[in-house]
Amino acid sequence: MIDEIVYRSPELGDEAQIAACMCASADWAELTGETPEGIADWQQLCSAEELQARILSGEKTLVAVHNRIVVGFIAFRRGNHLSLLFVRQEYSGKGIGRELLTRCTNGFEQITVNASDLAVGFYRRLGFEQSDDRFFKNGSWGTPMRWSKSKDQPE
């Protein structure tokens, strides 16, 4: 893990940095499937209004900050459904995604996610298992996955 990463709740005013982090997490074509639906969906996810709503939702959200730049973002919906997890490409593989998820799992017996093709391997390494058939929506493929807390994991 990188030294000097600060993990904190996102605040109003962080929207532009969170959107930049999301866009810097992967190639545009990979994120959108280069379809009109995928591009529209992505623009909605990164909009200031959507990110403000997530910050104010009361759902679990967290940012990772390095040198005053948001380098990671996680957000849940409907309680235990992980809806967004992004880490800037240049910070990938340094434990930030794992740490964001670990810090948000307290109180959850189970977490669900619809993983993009790019993220399936990451989630498998963290103990997620495929829970349903792969699907195509808004220009992108998703794989439903589930993580369950094992009895030997600490609270």
Protein backbone atom coordinates (compact mmCIF):
# COMPACT_ATOMS: atom_id res chain seq x y z
CA MET A 1 0.00 0.00 0.00
CA ILE A 2 1.10 3.58 -0.64
CA ASP A 3 2.08 5.70 2.37
CA GLU A 4 0.17 8.91 2.92
CA ILE A 5 -3.16 7.73 1.53
CA VAL A 6 -6.00 9.30 3.50
CA TYR A 7 -9.31 7.45 3.58
CA ARG A 8 -12.32 9.63 4.40
CA SER A 9 -15.97 10.20 3.68
CA PRO A 10 -16.51 12.22 0.53
CA GLU A 11 -17.73 15.78 0.96
CA LEU A 12 -19.77 18.11 -1.21
CA GLY A 13 -17.21 19.76 -3.45
CA ASP A 14 -15.39 16.45 -4.13
CA GLU A 15 -17.61 15.66 -7.15
CA ALA A 16 -15.20 16.90 -9.86
CA GLN A 17 -12.29 14.98 -8.33
CA ILE A 18 -14.37 11.82 -7.94
CA ALA A 19 -15.50 12.06 -11.58
CA ALA A 20 -11.87 12.57 -12.66
CA CYS A 21 -10.85 9.51 -10.62
CA MET A 22 -13.58 7.41 -12.23
CA CYS A 23 -12.51 8.52 -15.72
CA ALA A 24 -8.84 7.84 -14.93
CA SER A 25 -9.59 4.30 -13.77
CA ALA A 26 -9.72 2.71 -17.22
CA ASP A 27 -9.79 3.40 -20.92
CA TRP A 28 -12.94 5.25 -22.08
CA ALA A 29 -13.77 2.51 -24.60
CA GLU A 30 -13.48 -0.16 -21.90
CA LEU A 31 -15.75 1.78 -19.54
CA THR A 32 -18.51 2.55 -22.03
CA GLY A 33 -18.36 -0.27 -24.55
CA GLU A 34 -18.29 2.60 -27.05
CA THR A 35 -22.05 2.36 -27.43
CA PRO A 36 -24.43 5.35 -27.17
CA GLU A 37 -26.10 3.67 -24.18
CA GLY A 38 -22.80 3.02 -22.46
CA ILE A 39 -21.61 6.58 -23.01
CA ALA A 40 -24.90 8.05 -21.74
CA ASP A 41 -24.82 5.75 -18.70
CA TRP A 42 -21.23 6.74 -17.94
CA GLN A 43 -21.97 10.47 -18.30
CA GLN A 44 -24.86 10.07 -15.83
CA LEU A 45 -22.69 8.17 -13.31
CA CYS A 46 -20.02 10.89 -13.43
CA SER A 47 -22.40 13.84 -13.31
CA ALA A 48 -22.12 16.29 -10.43
CA GLU A 49 -25.78 15.71 -9.55
CA GLU A 50 -25.38 11.93 -9.35
CA LEU A 51 -22.21 12.16 -7.26
CA GLN A 52 -23.78 14.74 -4.93
CA ALA A 53 -26.75 12.41 -4.45
CA ARG A 54 -24.41 9.55 -3.57
CA ILE A 55 -22.47 11.72 -1.10
CA LEU A 56 -25.69 12.83 0.61
CA SER A 57 -27.44 9.44 0.44
CA GLY A 58 -26.38 8.11 3.82
CA GLU A 59 -25.15 4.94 2.07
CA LYS A 60 -21.55 3.85 2.64
CA THR A 61 -19.13 5.89 0.52
CA LEU A 62 -15.43 6.54 0.90
CA VAL A 63 -12.63 8.26 -1.00
CA ALA A 64 -8.89 7.59 -0.98
CA VAL A 65 -6.84 10.77 -1.27
CA HIS A 66 -3.14 11.12 -2.09
CA ASN A 67 -1.52 14.57 -2.28
CA ARG A 68 -5.00 16.19 -2.19
CA ILE A 69 -6.12 14.18 -5.25
CA VAL A 70 -8.93 11.62 -5.09
CA VAL A 71 -7.31 8.39 -6.27
CA GLY A 72 -10.07 5.97 -5.26
CA PHE A 73 -13.82 5.98 -4.68
CA ILE A 74 -16.33 3.42 -3.40
CA ALA A 75 -20.10 3.72 -3.08
CA PHE A 76 -22.85 1.34 -2.02
CA ARG A 77 -26.55 1.33 -2.88
CA ARG A 78 -29.46 -0.50 -1.29
CA GLY A 79 -27.38 -1.22 1.78
CA ASN A 80 -24.99 -3.99 0.82
CA HIS A 81 -24.83 -3.60 -2.98
CA LEU A 82 -21.45 -2.27 -4.11
CA SER A 83 -22.34 0.01 -7.01
CA LEU A 84 -19.09 1.90 -7.68
CA LEU A 85 -15.44 1.10 -6.97
CA PHE A 86 -12.79 2.95 -8.94
CA VAL A 87 -9.05 3.48 -8.51
CA ARG A 88 -6.97 5.64 -10.84
CA GLN A 89 -4.92 3.44 -13.19
CA GLU A 90 -1.60 4.81 -11.96
CA TYR A 91 -2.54 3.69 -8.41
CA SER A 92 -3.88 0.28 -9.45
CA GLY A 93 -2.31 -2.76 -7.82
CA LYS A 94 -1.26 -0.85 -4.70
CA GLY A 95 -3.98 -2.14 -2.37
CA ILE A 96 -6.24 0.93 -2.50
CA GLY A 97 -9.31 -0.87 -3.89
CA ARG A 98 -8.91 -3.66 -1.35
CA GLU A 99 -8.54 -1.12 1.47
CA LEU A 100 -11.60 0.88 0.36
CA LEU A 101 -13.66 -2.32 0.34
CA THR A 102 -12.26 -3.57 3.66
CA ARG A 103 -13.08 -0.29 5.37
CA CYS A 104 -16.69 -0.49 4.15
CA THR A 105 -17.44 -4.15 4.95
CA ASN A 106 -18.03 -3.71 8.68
CA GLY A 107 -21.56 -4.72 9.50
CA PHE A 108 -22.14 -6.64 6.27
CA GLU A 109 -22.63 -10.39 6.25
CA GLN A 110 -22.86 -10.32 2.45
CA ILE A 111 -22.02 -7.88 -0.37
CA THR A 112 -23.26 -8.02 -3.95
CA VAL A 113 -21.77 -6.37 -7.02
CA ASN A 114 -22.35 -6.42 -10.77
CA ALA A 115 -18.72 -6.57 -11.85
CA SER A 116 -17.52 -5.26 -15.18
CA ASP A 117 -15.40 -7.63 -17.23
CA LEU A 118 -12.38 -5.57 -16.19
CA ALA A 119 -13.09 -6.12 -12.48
CA VAL A 120 -14.12 -9.79 -12.23
CA GLY A 121 -10.57 -10.96 -11.45
CA PHE A 122 -10.16 -8.30 -8.75
CA TYR A 123 -13.36 -9.33 -7.02
CA ARG A 124 -12.48 -13.04 -7.25
CA ARG A 125 -9.15 -12.34 -5.51
CA LEU A 126 -11.16 -10.73 -2.68
CA GLY A 127 -13.37 -13.79 -2.24
CA PHE A 128 -16.37 -12.85 -4.39
CA GLU A 129 -18.04 -15.63 -6.36
CA GLN A 130 -20.24 -15.40 -9.43
CA SER A 131 -23.87 -15.59 -8.30
CA ASP A 132 -25.82 -15.45 -11.57
CA ASP A 133 -25.43 -15.34 -15.35
CA ARG A 134 -23.41 -12.62 -17.02
CA PHE A 135 -25.64 -9.91 -18.57
CA PHE A 136 -25.44 -7.03 -21.07
CA LYS A 137 -26.87 -3.64 -20.08
CA ASN A 138 -26.29 -0.10 -21.33
CA GLY A 139 -23.47 -1.16 -23.63
CA SER A 140 -21.47 -3.12 -21.05
CA TRP A 141 -21.23 -6.66 -19.74
CA GLY A 142 -21.75 -7.32 -16.05
CA THR A 143 -21.25 -10.37 -13.88
CA PRO A 144 -23.33 -10.63 -10.70
CA MET A 145 -21.05 -11.58 -7.82
CA ARG A 146 -21.46 -12.11 -4.09
CA TRP A 147 -19.13 -12.01 -1.10
CA SER A 148 -20.15 -13.60 2.19
CA LYS A 149 -18.41 -13.09 5.48
CA SER A 150 -16.81 -16.31 6.65
CA LYS A 151 -17.13 -17.42 10.25
CA ASP A 152 -13.39 -17.03 10.87
CA GLN A 153 -13.20 -13.39 9.74
CA PRO A 154 -12.87 -10.83 12.54
CA GLU A 155 -15.62 -8.28 13.15
